[in-house]
Amino acid sequence: MYYATLIKGASYYAFGHRFLLHKECKITKREYQYLRKSDWFQVREENTIPPFGSIAKFEKN
């Protein structure tokens, strides 16, 4: 699985998806390969560790 997060702008429409700022969406490999070239998105594969900021949200201790 692949995921994309919009990091610039308020929203972005591509591939039939409406990406909203800082909301992670599940995407296809084809979409991943396209969006990883964009400065507007942060993309990741499922087996990779999310960015530090995302981890901090889940740790409340």
Protein backbone atom coordinates (compact mmCIF):
# COMPACT_ATOMS: atom_id res chain seq x y z
CA MET A 1 0.00 0.00 0.00
CA TYR A 2 0.99 3.57 -0.66
CA TYR A 3 -0.05 6.79 1.06
CA ALA A 4 0.09 10.48 0.16
CA THR A 5 -0.30 13.59 2.29
CA LEU A 6 -0.80 17.06 0.84
CA ILE A 7 1.68 19.42 2.50
CA LYS A 8 1.08 22.63 0.48
CA GLY A 9 -2.15 24.38 -0.47
CA ALA A 10 -5.63 23.75 0.90
CA SER A 11 -6.69 20.97 -1.49
CA TYR A 12 -5.54 19.23 -4.66
CA TYR A 13 -7.58 17.13 -7.08
CA ALA A 14 -5.85 14.32 -8.98
CA PHE A 15 -6.65 10.76 -10.03
CA GLY A 16 -10.26 11.12 -8.90
CA HIS A 17 -9.16 11.98 -5.34
CA ARG A 18 -9.58 15.24 -3.46
CA PHE A 19 -6.48 15.55 -1.28
CA LEU A 20 -6.90 17.83 1.72
CA LEU A 21 -4.07 19.52 3.58
CA HIS A 22 -2.36 17.18 6.10
CA LYS A 23 -4.88 14.33 5.53
CA GLU A 24 -3.23 11.06 4.54
CA CYS A 25 -4.93 9.12 1.71
CA LYS A 26 -4.35 5.61 0.42
CA ILE A 27 -3.16 5.66 -3.21
CA THR A 28 -2.08 3.22 -5.94
CA LYS A 29 1.51 2.54 -6.97
CA ARG A 30 0.95 4.54 -10.18
CA GLU A 31 -0.31 7.52 -8.19
CA TYR A 32 2.61 7.14 -5.77
CA GLN A 33 5.12 7.25 -8.62
CA TYR A 34 3.53 10.44 -9.96
CA LEU A 35 3.01 12.27 -6.66
CA ARG A 36 6.48 11.52 -5.24
CA LYS A 37 7.90 13.96 -7.82
CA SER A 38 5.71 16.78 -6.51
CA ASP A 39 6.83 19.25 -3.85
CA TRP A 40 3.18 19.49 -2.77
CA PHE A 41 3.04 15.91 -1.42
CA GLN A 42 4.73 13.69 1.11
CA VAL A 43 4.37 10.04 0.06
CA ARG A 44 5.27 6.78 1.74
CA GLU A 45 4.97 3.02 1.35
CA GLU A 46 3.08 1.06 4.00
CA ASN A 47 6.19 -0.76 5.21
CA THR A 48 8.06 2.50 5.87
CA ILE A 49 7.99 4.42 9.14
CA PRO A 50 5.82 7.57 9.09
CA PRO A 51 7.50 10.95 9.67
CA PHE A 52 8.37 11.89 13.26
CA GLY A 53 5.48 14.37 13.53
CA SER A 54 2.98 11.61 12.75
CA ILE A 55 4.46 9.32 15.39
CA ALA A 56 4.25 12.03 18.05
CA LYS A 57 0.47 12.31 17.56
CA PHE A 58 -0.01 8.75 18.77
CA GLU A 59 2.29 8.91 21.79
CA LYS A 60 0.51 10.55 24.71
CA ASN A 61 2.72 9.26 27.59
